[in-house]
C-alpha atoms as a PDB file:
ATOM      1  CA  MET A   1     123.071  90.455 102.923  1.00  0.00           C
ATOM      2  CA  ARG A   2     120.402  90.110  99.799  1.00  0.00           C
ATOM      3  CA  HIS A   3     116.840  91.826  99.403  1.00  0.00           C
ATOM      4  CA  THR A   4     115.285  88.331  99.699  1.00  0.00           C
ATOM      5  CA  ASP A   5     116.949  87.280 103.054  1.00  0.00           C
ATOM      6  CA  LYS A   6     115.766  90.777 104.920  1.00  0.00           C
ATOM      7  CA  VAL A   7     112.457  90.760 103.865  1.00  0.00           C
ATOM      8  CA  SER A   8     112.383  86.989 104.561  1.00  0.00           C
ATOM      9  CA  ARG A   9     113.559  87.824 108.211  1.00  0.00           C
ATOM     10  CA  MET A  10     111.301  90.742 108.591  1.00  0.00           C
ATOM     11  CA  LEU A  11     108.248  88.419 107.686  1.00  0.00           C
ATOM     12  CA  CYS A  12     108.649  84.919 108.959  1.00  0.00           C
ATOM     13  CA  SER A  13     107.636  86.205 112.681  1.00  0.00           C
ATOM     14  CA  ALA A  14     104.346  86.159 112.393  1.00  0.00           C
ATOM     15  CA  ARG A  15     104.107  82.704 110.448  1.00  0.00           C
ATOM     16  CA  ALA A  16     106.364  81.064 113.787  1.00  0.00           C
ATOM     17  CA  GLY A  17     103.572  80.934 115.886  1.00  0.00           C
ATOM     18  CA  LEU A  18     101.522  78.378 113.502  1.00  0.00           C
ATOM     19  CA  LEU A  19     104.150  76.316 114.033  1.00  0.00           C
ATOM     20  CA  ALA A  20     104.674  76.970 117.529  1.00  0.00           C
ATOM     21  CA  THR A  21     100.803  75.567 117.649  1.00  0.00           C
ATOM     22  CA  GLY A  22     101.733  72.663 115.937  1.00  0.00           C
ATOM     23  CA  LEU A  23     104.089  71.599 118.802  1.00  0.00           C
ATOM     24  CA  THR A  24     101.205  72.122 121.299  1.00  0.00           C
ATOM     25  CA  LEU A  25      99.044  69.617 119.517  1.00  0.00           C
ATOM     26  CA  ALA A  26     101.922  67.500 119.010  1.00  0.00           C
ATOM     27  CA  GLY A  27     102.477  67.674 122.643  1.00  0.00           C
ATOM     28  CA  LEU A  28      98.546  66.526 122.990  1.00  0.00           C
ATOM     29  CA  ALA A  29      98.848  63.973 120.945  1.00  0.00           C
ATOM     30  CA  GLY A  30     101.936  62.538 122.221  1.00  0.00           C
ATOM     31  CA  GLY A  31     100.138  62.560 125.464  1.00  0.00           C
ATOM     32  CA  LEU A  32      96.485  60.813 124.411  1.00  0.00           C
ATOM     33  CA  ALA A  33      98.886  58.041 122.954  1.00  0.00           C
ATOM     34  CA  GLY A  34     100.169  57.432 126.573  1.00  0.00           C
ATOM     35  CA  CYS A  35      96.738  56.381 127.356  1.00  0.00           C
ATOM     36  CA  GLY A  36      96.219  53.700 124.870  1.00  0.00           C
ATOM     37  CA  LEU A  37      94.326  56.104 122.399  1.00  0.00           C
ATOM     38  CA  GLN A  38      96.461  56.287 119.514  1.00  0.00           C
ATOM     39  CA  LYS A  39      95.595  55.636 116.045  1.00  0.00           C
ATOM     40  CA  ASP A  40      97.753  56.243 112.899  1.00  0.00           C
ATOM     41  CA  ILE A  41      96.027  58.164 110.173  1.00  0.00           C
ATOM     42  CA  ASP A  42      97.439  59.048 106.961  1.00  0.00           C
ATOM     43  CA  VAL A  43      96.275  62.854 105.694  1.00  0.00           C
ATOM     44  CA  VAL A  44      96.995  63.201 102.423  1.00  0.00           C
ATOM     45  CA  LEU A  45      96.731  66.727 101.492  1.00  0.00           C
ATOM     46  CA  PRO A  46      96.893  67.910  98.195  1.00  0.00           C
ATOM     47  CA  VAL A  47      99.695  69.933  96.875  1.00  0.00           C
ATOM     48  CA  LEU A  48      98.477  73.198  95.188  1.00  0.00           C
ATOM     49  CA  PRO A  49     100.196  75.529  93.440  1.00  0.00           C
ATOM     50  CA  ALA A  50     101.962  78.362  95.177  1.00  0.00           C
ATOM     51  CA  GLN A  51     100.366  81.963  94.680  1.00  0.00           C
ATOM     52  CA  LEU A  52     101.392  85.304  94.825  1.00  0.00           C
ATOM     53  CA  VAL A  53      99.870  87.025  97.923  1.00  0.00           C
ATOM     54  CA  VAL A  54      99.704  91.190  97.885  1.00  0.00           C
ATOM     55  CA  GLU A  55      99.263  93.261 100.768  1.00  0.00           C
ATOM     56  CA  ALA A  56      98.556  96.648  99.923  1.00  0.00           C
ATOM     57  CA  TYR A  57      97.460  99.856 102.015  1.00  0.00           C
ATOM     58  CA  LEU A  58      97.466 103.065 100.029  1.00  0.00           C
ATOM     59  CA  GLU A  59      97.837 106.507 102.518  1.00  0.00           C
ATOM     60  CA  ASN A  60      96.520 110.189 101.619  1.00  0.00           C
ATOM     61  CA  GLY A  61     100.314 111.734 102.019  1.00  0.00           C
ATOM     62  CA  GLN A  62     102.478 108.634 102.104  1.00  0.00           C
ATOM     63  CA  VAL A  63     104.499 107.291  98.939  1.00  0.00           C
ATOM     64  CA  PRO A  64     102.542 103.951  98.130  1.00  0.00           C
ATOM     65  CA  ARG A  65     104.261 100.574  99.209  1.00  0.00           C
ATOM     66  CA  LEU A  66     103.187  96.696  98.893  1.00  0.00           C
ATOM     67  CA  THR A  67     104.566  93.594  99.869  1.00  0.00           C
ATOM     68  CA  VAL A  68     104.077  90.609  97.461  1.00  0.00           C
ATOM     69  CA  THR A  69     105.279  86.681  98.952  1.00  0.00           C
ATOM     70  CA  GLU A  70     104.055  83.263  97.856  1.00  0.00           C
ATOM     71  CA  SER A  71     101.815  81.104  99.304  1.00  0.00           C
ATOM     72  CA  VAL A  72     103.437  77.857 101.521  1.00  0.00           C
ATOM     73  CA  PRO A  73     101.786  74.991 102.016  1.00  0.00           C
ATOM     74  CA  TYR A  74     100.639  75.167 105.567  1.00  0.00           C
ATOM     75  CA  LEU A  75     103.109  72.943 107.257  1.00  0.00           C
ATOM     76  CA  SER A  76     105.989  73.881 105.325  1.00  0.00           C
ATOM     77  CA  ALA A  77     108.597  75.639 107.062  1.00  0.00           C
ATOM     78  CA  PRO A  78     107.866  79.077 108.566  1.00  0.00           C
ATOM     79  CA  THR A  79     110.004  81.279 106.204  1.00  0.00           C
ATOM     80  CA  PRO A  80     107.948  83.543 104.122  1.00  0.00           C
ATOM     81  CA  THR A  81     109.018  83.284  99.953  1.00  0.00           C
ATOM     82  CA  VAL A  82     109.788  86.482  98.256  1.00  0.00           C
ATOM     83  CA  PRO A  83     109.385  86.163  94.808  1.00  0.00           C
ATOM     84  CA  THR A  84     112.235  88.805  92.679  1.00  0.00           C
ATOM     85  CA  GLU A  85     111.181  88.735  89.088  1.00  0.00           C
ATOM     86  CA  VAL A  86     107.551  90.655  89.815  1.00  0.00           C
ATOM     87  CA  ALA A  87     106.203  93.778  88.127  1.00  0.00           C
ATOM     88  CA  VAL A  88     103.978  95.418  89.647  1.00  0.00           C
ATOM     89  CA  THR A  89     101.807  98.651  88.358  1.00  0.00           C
ATOM     90  CA  LEU A  90      99.498 101.326  89.946  1.00  0.00           C
ATOM     91  CA  THR A  91      96.964 103.184  88.131  1.00  0.00           C
ATOM     92  CA  LEU A  92      95.802 106.144  90.077  1.00  0.00           C
ATOM     93  CA  PRO A  93      92.437 107.779  89.665  1.00  0.00           C
ATOM     94  CA  ASP A  94      93.398 110.092  86.617  1.00  0.00           C
ATOM     95  CA  GLY A  95      94.423 106.987  84.527  1.00  0.00           C
ATOM     96  CA  SER A  96      98.108 107.340  84.649  1.00  0.00           C
ATOM     97  CA  ARG A  97     100.235 104.185  85.561  1.00  0.00           C
ATOM     98  CA  GLU A  98     103.109 104.179  87.943  1.00  0.00           C
ATOM     99  CA  ASN A  99     105.349 101.151  88.353  1.00  0.00           C
ATOM    100  CA  LEU A 100     106.565 100.310  91.676  1.00  0.00           C
ATOM    101  CA  ARG A 101     110.373  98.936  91.882  1.00  0.00           C
ATOM    102  CA  PHE A 102     111.714  96.274  94.237  1.00  0.00           C
ATOM    103  CA  ALA A 103     113.502  97.354  96.871  1.00  0.00           C
ATOM    104  CA  PRO A 104     112.491  95.649  99.898  1.00  0.00           C
ATOM    105  CA  GLY A 105     112.502  97.768 103.320  1.00  0.00           C
ATOM    106  CA  LEU A 106     110.810  98.392 106.555  1.00  0.00           C
ATOM    107  CA  ASP A 107     108.478 101.177 106.711  1.00  0.00           C
ATOM    108  CA  ARG A 108     109.643 102.697 110.500  1.00  0.00           C
ATOM    109  CA  ARG A 109     106.062 104.521 110.825  1.00  0.00           C
ATOM    110  CA  THR A 110     104.563 100.917 110.816  1.00  0.00           C
ATOM    111  CA  GLY A 111     106.905  98.929 111.204  1.00  0.00           C
ATOM    112  CA  LYS A 112     105.688  97.070 108.806  1.00  0.00           C
ATOM    113  CA  ALA A 113     107.421  95.356 106.165  1.00  0.00           C
ATOM    114  CA  TYR A 114     107.430  95.696 102.136  1.00  0.00           C
ATOM    115  CA  THR A 115     108.997  94.971  99.077  1.00  0.00           C
ATOM    116  CA  HIS A 116     108.263  97.250  96.639  1.00  0.00           C
ATOM    117  CA  ILE A 117     107.717 101.127  96.232  1.00  0.00           C
ATOM    118  CA  GLY A 118     106.543 104.051  94.691  1.00  0.00           C
ATOM    119  CA  THR A 119     108.223 107.199  93.866  1.00  0.00           C
ATOM    120  CA  ARG A 120     105.952 109.767  95.189  1.00  0.00           C
ATOM    121  CA  PRO A 121     103.111 110.689  97.659  1.00  0.00           C
ATOM    122  CA  LEU A 122      99.379 110.167  97.043  1.00  0.00           C
ATOM    123  CA  SER A 123      96.931 112.167  97.333  1.00  0.00           C
ATOM    124  CA  PRO A 124      93.802 110.439  97.247  1.00  0.00           C
ATOM    125  CA  GLN A 125      90.066 111.719  97.936  1.00  0.00           C
ATOM    126  CA  PRO A 126      86.868 110.169  98.809  1.00  0.00           C
ATOM    127  CA  GLY A 127      85.306 108.225  96.254  1.00  0.00           C
ATOM    128  CA  GLN A 128      88.795 107.872  93.669  1.00  0.00           C
ATOM    129  CA  ARG A 129      89.150 104.598  92.544  1.00  0.00           C
ATOM    130  CA  PHE A 130      93.083 103.169  92.517  1.00  0.00           C
ATOM    131  CA  GLN A 131      93.754  99.757  90.338  1.00  0.00           C
ATOM    132  CA  LEU A 132      96.867  97.251  90.982  1.00  0.00           C
ATOM    133  CA  GLU A 133      97.764  94.544  88.932  1.00  0.00           C
ATOM    134  CA  VAL A 134     101.263  92.617  90.059  1.00  0.00           C
ATOM    135  CA  THR A 135     102.263  89.953  87.312  1.00  0.00           C
ATOM    136  CA  ASP A 136     105.406  87.774  87.776  1.00  0.00           C
ATOM    137  CA  ASN A 137     108.046  85.792  85.264  1.00  0.00           C
ATOM    138  CA  LYS A 138     106.022  82.401  85.899  1.00  0.00           C
ATOM    139  CA  GLY A 139     102.610  83.975  84.395  1.00  0.00           C
ATOM    140  CA  ARG A 140     100.924  84.838  87.470  1.00  0.00           C
ATOM    141  CA  ARG A 141      98.421  88.220  87.547  1.00  0.00           C
ATOM    142  CA  VAL A 142      96.909  89.205  90.466  1.00  0.00           C
ATOM    143  CA  THR A 143      94.935  92.438  90.340  1.00  0.00           C
ATOM    144  CA  GLY A 144      92.777  94.373  92.485  1.00  0.00           C
ATOM    145  CA  THR A 145      90.313  97.566  92.601  1.00  0.00           C
ATOM    146  CA  ALA A 146      89.982 100.167  95.962  1.00  0.00           C
ATOM    147  CA  THR A 147      88.035 103.129  95.927  1.00  0.00           C
ATOM    148  CA  MET A 148      88.168 105.434  99.034  1.00  0.00           C
ATOM    149  CA  PRO A 149      85.635 105.652 101.709  1.00  0.00           C
ATOM    150  CA  GLY A 150      84.979 108.910 103.371  1.00  0.00           C
ATOM    151  CA  ARG A 151      86.748 109.747 106.018  1.00  0.00           C
ATOM    152  CA  ILE A 152      84.397 110.113 109.572  1.00  0.00           C
ATOM    153  CA  PRO A 153      85.413 112.544 112.221  1.00  0.00           C
ATOM    154  CA  ILE A 154      86.149 111.281 116.399  1.00  0.00           C
ATOM    155  CA  ASP A 155      83.671 113.437 117.886  1.00  0.00           C
ATOM    156  CA  THR A 156      85.489 113.320 120.828  1.00  0.00           C
ATOM    157  CA  VAL A 157      88.042 110.941 123.365  1.00  0.00           C
ATOM    158  CA  GLU A 158      87.471 110.977 126.886  1.00  0.00           C
ATOM    159  CA  TRP A 159      89.171 108.684 129.825  1.00  0.00           C
ATOM    160  CA  GLN A 160      87.372 107.584 133.050  1.00  0.00           C
ATOM    161  CA  PHE A 161      89.294 106.856 136.033  1.00  0.00           C
ATOM    162  CA  ASN A 162      88.729 104.116 138.817  1.00  0.00           C
ATOM    163  CA  ASP A 163      88.272 104.798 142.326  1.00  0.00           C
ATOM    164  CA  ARG A 164      91.455 102.795 143.620  1.00  0.00           C
ATOM    165  CA  GLU A 165      94.832 103.706 145.953  1.00  0.00           C
ATOM    166  CA  PRO A 166      96.837 106.092 143.564  1.00  0.00           C
ATOM    167  CA  GLU A 167      99.069 103.501 142.627  1.00  0.00           C
ATOM    168  CA  PHE A 168      96.724 100.922 141.278  1.00  0.00           C
ATOM    169  CA  ARG A 169      94.821 103.991 139.744  1.00  0.00           C
ATOM    170  CA  GLU A 170      94.105 103.540 135.707  1.00  0.00           C
ATOM    171  CA  ALA A 171      91.508 105.138 133.427  1.00  0.00           C
ATOM    172  CA  LEU A 172      89.681 103.669 130.628  1.00  0.00           C
ATOM    173  CA  ILE A 173      88.942 105.425 127.163  1.00  0.00           C
ATOM    174  CA  LEU A 174      85.836 106.134 125.710  1.00  0.00           C
ATOM    175  CA  THR A 175      86.056 107.253 121.868  1.00  0.00           C
ATOM    176  CA  ARG A 176      82.363 108.789 120.356  1.00  0.00           C
ATOM    177  CA  PHE A 177      81.955 109.221 116.685  1.00  0.00           C
ATOM    178  CA  ARG A 178      78.977 109.596 114.008  1.00  0.00           C
ATOM    179  CA  ASP A 179      78.018 106.998 111.867  1.00  0.00           C
ATOM    180  CA  PRO A 180      76.234 109.085 108.459  1.00  0.00           C
ATOM    181  CA  ALA A 181      72.921 108.120 107.797  1.00  0.00           C
ATOM    182  CA  THR A 182      73.914 106.075 104.456  1.00  0.00           C
ATOM    183  CA  PRO A 183      73.833 102.580 105.222  1.00  0.00           C
ATOM    184  CA  LEU A 184      76.515  99.626 105.120  1.00  0.00           C
ATOM    185  CA  ASN A 185      79.352 101.569 107.161  1.00  0.00           C
ATOM    186  CA  PHE A 186      82.089  99.232 108.445  1.00  0.00           C
ATOM    187  CA  TYR A 187      84.814 100.909 111.272  1.00  0.00           C
ATOM    188  CA  ARG A 188      87.955  99.964 112.577  1.00  0.00           C
ATOM    189  CA  LEU A 189      88.916 101.340 116.057  1.00  0.00           C
ATOM    190  CA  MET A 190      92.176 100.867 117.318  1.00  0.00           C
ATOM    191  CA  ILE A 191      93.508 102.371 120.578  1.00  0.00           C
ATOM    192  CA  HIS A 192      97.733 102.358 120.590  1.00  0.00           C
ATOM    193  CA  LYS A 193      99.679 103.196 123.658  1.00  0.00           C
ATOM    194  CA  ASP A 194     102.884 105.367 122.687  1.00  0.00           C
ATOM    195  CA  SER A 195     103.386 104.423 119.373  1.00  0.00           C
ATOM    196  CA  ILE A 196     101.371 102.687 116.800  1.00  0.00           C
ATOM    197  CA  ASN A 197     104.297 100.928 116.020  1.00  0.00           C
ATOM    198  CA  ASP A 198     103.280  98.417 118.845  1.00  0.00           C
ATOM    199  CA  ASN A 199     100.096  96.131 118.922  1.00  0.00           C
ATOM    200  CA  PRO A 200      97.431  97.859 120.120  1.00  0.00           C
ATOM    201  CA  GLU A 201      95.782  98.411 123.419  1.00  0.00           C
ATOM    202  CA  SER A 202      92.371  97.546 121.849  1.00  0.00           C
ATOM    203  CA  GLU A 203      90.487  97.254 118.452  1.00  0.00           C
ATOM    204  CA  PHE A 204      86.855  97.657 117.660  1.00  0.00           C
ATOM    205  CA  VAL A 205      85.541  96.103 114.193  1.00  0.00           C
ATOM    206  CA  VAL A 206      81.741  97.272 113.965  1.00  0.00           C
ATOM    207  CA  GLN A 207      79.263  98.499 111.314  1.00  0.00           C
ATOM    208  CA  ASP A 208      76.044  99.893 111.681  1.00  0.00           C
ATOM    209  CA  ARG A 209      73.615  97.556 110.886  1.00  0.00           C
ATOM    210  CA  LEU A 210      71.591  98.153 113.979  1.00  0.00           C
ATOM    211  CA  ASN A 211      72.525 101.537 114.602  1.00  0.00           C
ATOM    212  CA  ASN A 212      72.654 103.326 111.285  1.00  0.00           C
ATOM    213  CA  GLY A 213      72.947 107.151 111.217  1.00  0.00           C
ATOM    214  CA  GLU A 214      73.514 107.341 114.958  1.00  0.00           C
ATOM    215  CA  GLU A 215      76.018 107.794 117.777  1.00  0.00           C
ATOM    216  CA  PHE A 216      78.860 105.142 118.684  1.00  0.00           C
ATOM    217  CA  THR A 217      80.589 105.337 121.364  1.00  0.00           C
ATOM    218  CA  LEU A 218      83.132 102.424 122.125  1.00  0.00           C
ATOM    219  CA  GLY A 219      85.486 102.037 125.759  1.00  0.00           C
ATOM    220  CA  THR A 220      88.447 100.054 126.444  1.00  0.00           C
ATOM    221  CA  SER A 221      88.894  98.389 130.026  1.00  0.00           C
ATOM    222  CA  TYR A 222      90.433 100.217 133.267  1.00  0.00           C
ATOM    223  CA  ARG A 223      94.230 100.190 131.467  1.00  0.00           C
ATOM    224  CA  PHE A 224      95.694 103.457 130.862  1.00  0.00           C
ATOM    225  CA  ARG A 225      97.787 104.396 133.782  1.00  0.00           C
ATOM    226  CA  PRO A 226      98.399 108.411 134.337  1.00  0.00           C
ATOM    227  CA  ASN A 227     100.596 110.837 131.699  1.00  0.00           C
ATOM    228  CA  ASP A 228      99.957 107.315 129.297  1.00  0.00           C
ATOM    229  CA  THR A 229      99.812 108.915 125.486  1.00  0.00           C
ATOM    230  CA  VAL A 230      96.835 107.586 123.756  1.00  0.00           C
ATOM    231  CA  VAL A 231      96.702 106.827 120.027  1.00  0.00           C
ATOM    232  CA  VAL A 232      93.238 106.657 118.792  1.00  0.00           C
ATOM    233  CA  THR A 233      92.814 106.184 114.761  1.00  0.00           C
ATOM    234  CA  LEU A 234      89.330 105.324 113.445  1.00  0.00           C
ATOM    235  CA  PHE A 235      89.057 103.457 110.037  1.00  0.00           C
ATOM    236  CA  HIS A 236      86.607 103.891 107.739  1.00  0.00           C
ATOM    237  CA  LEU A 237      86.661 101.017 105.709  1.00  0.00           C
ATOM    238  CA  ASP A 238      84.610  99.146 102.176  1.00  0.00           C
ATOM    239  CA  GLN A 239      82.716  96.215 102.675  1.00  0.00           C
ATOM    240  CA  ALA A 240      85.421  94.432 101.146  1.00  0.00           C
ATOM    241  CA  TYR A 241      88.400  95.324 103.368  1.00  0.00           C
ATOM    242  CA  ASN A 242      86.028  94.808 106.232  1.00  0.00           C
ATOM    243  CA  ASN A 243      85.115  91.272 105.165  1.00  0.00           C
ATOM    244  CA  PHE A 244      88.887  90.161 104.629  1.00  0.00           C
ATOM    245  CA  LEU A 245      89.611  91.738 107.975  1.00  0.00           C
ATOM    246  CA  GLU A 246      86.556  89.735 109.567  1.00  0.00           C
ATOM    247  CA  SER A 247      88.078  86.426 107.389  1.00  0.00           C
ATOM    248  CA  VAL A 248      91.341  87.331 109.209  1.00  0.00           C
ATOM    249  CA  GLU A 249      90.161  87.206 112.650  1.00  0.00           C
ATOM    250  CA  ASP A 250      87.981  83.806 111.734  1.00  0.00           C
ATOM    251  CA  ALA A 251      91.305  82.015 110.560  1.00  0.00           C
ATOM    252  CA  ARG A 252      93.514  83.124 113.711  1.00  0.00           C
ATOM    253  CA  ASN A 253      90.694  81.512 115.764  1.00  0.00           C
ATOM    254  CA  ALA A 254      90.398  78.818 113.849  1.00  0.00           C
ATOM    255  CA  ASN A 255      94.053  77.815 114.003  1.00  0.00           C
ATOM    256  CA  GLY A 256      95.080  75.183 116.496  1.00  0.00           C
ATOM    257  CA  ASN A 257      91.104  74.676 117.482  1.00  0.00           C
ATOM    258  CA  PRO A 258      89.980  71.384 116.743  1.00  0.00           C
ATOM    259  CA  PHE A 259      86.550  72.434 117.512  1.00  0.00           C
ATOM    260  CA  SER A 260      86.634  75.458 114.672  1.00  0.00           C
ATOM    261  CA  GLN A 261      85.033  75.796 111.317  1.00  0.00           C
ATOM    262  CA  PRO A 262      88.258  75.985 109.079  1.00  0.00           C
ATOM    263  CA  ALA A 263      87.495  79.712 107.745  1.00  0.00           C
ATOM    264  CA  GLY A 264      89.063  80.498 104.642  1.00  0.00           C
ATOM    265  CA  ILE A 265      90.752  84.319 103.822  1.00  0.00           C
ATOM    266  CA  ARG A 266      88.212  86.586 101.993  1.00  0.00           C
ATOM    267  CA  SER A 267      90.727  88.324  99.758  1.00  0.00           C
ATOM    268  CA  THR A 268      90.132  91.707  98.410  1.00  0.00           C
ATOM    269  CA  VAL A 269      92.167  91.009  94.833  1.00  0.00           C
ATOM    270  CA  GLU A 270      91.782  88.240  91.796  1.00  0.00           C
ATOM    271  CA  GLY A 271      94.519  85.828  90.874  1.00  0.00           C
ATOM    272  CA  GLY A 272      95.590  85.341  94.057  1.00  0.00           C
ATOM    273  CA  LEU A 273      95.213  86.468  97.546  1.00  0.00           C
ATOM    274  CA  GLY A 274      95.844  88.984 100.224  1.00  0.00           C
ATOM    275  CA  VAL A 275      94.537  92.680 100.329  1.00  0.00           C
ATOM    276  CA  PHE A 276      93.864  96.238  98.659  1.00  0.00           C
ATOM    277  CA  THR A 277      92.428  99.264 100.617  1.00  0.00           C
ATOM    278  CA  VAL A 278      93.155 102.692 100.456  1.00  0.00           C
ATOM    279  CA  LEU A 279      92.684 103.863 103.700  1.00  0.00           C
ATOM    280  CA  SER A 280      90.344 106.955 104.984  1.00  0.00           C
ATOM    281  CA  TYR A 281      90.601 107.506 108.915  1.00  0.00           C
ATOM    282  CA  ASP A 282      91.198 110.168 111.721  1.00  0.00           C
ATOM    283  CA  ARG A 283      93.190 109.885 114.598  1.00  0.00           C
ATOM    284  CA  ARG A 284      93.839 111.558 117.839  1.00  0.00           C
ATOM    285  CA  THR A 285      96.519 111.617 120.206  1.00  0.00           C
ATOM    286  CA  VAL A 286      95.763 112.506 123.909  1.00  0.00           C
ATOM    287  CA  ILE A 287      97.690 112.387 127.728  1.00  0.00           C
ATOM    288  CA  VAL A 288      95.635 110.648 130.036  1.00  0.00           C
ATOM    289  CA  ARG A 289      95.988 113.313 133.037  1.00  0.00           C
END
């Protein structure tokens, strides 16, 4: 199996949902046509050149990995396009440059596919700046810069059980942390059960605009059983990455909803689409007793 085929299979599931949404809307249109309300409209979609799409998350203690694909028309087949003639260069805080090689694979720790990988683990420190350059044989060039935010520690992770019968007994999770006095801090709290490879049980994206310098308390619903292993991760985000996450959520909510405003992705890179950021987080693993 070719590298590109392997990566395409790993990446195609995200776009399969778009096709399912399209089938649902087609069924709705058919129902309206049966009521005599049909009106044929020819929609001319603009033909846009394919852009490079980059997804890169640098992390302390991990070898840098990133994914490079191409954008495709909205109504095209849900198969990601993986360009192979792509050069990726990461510039470290000390000015040294590392070329990431094309070696598609799957990160078993996170469950994410990647196309390019570095040679040695990174040791980023808060305030350090990294640069990314992605070029291909078609003359396309994507660049980005990212600075590591400071790590914000989790103060406590607590759980509280409801008062139902033992077989229906469930707990909620409360996470507390202290926001620093400096303004414009953004956070993403993810709560997983058993493994970070799975989708989170709960997720929050918050900022300190209304409670700068105060304690945050974020809680889930009653959804955890006794002896569940819960992984709580608090990410401290820069503003560009926060804006990217919000735009992705807006686009997801608008997809297939005729009453929603169209939403575009607010990339953190220039010359293409995608995200380049340095992750800064604190993580706690607890067993609900």
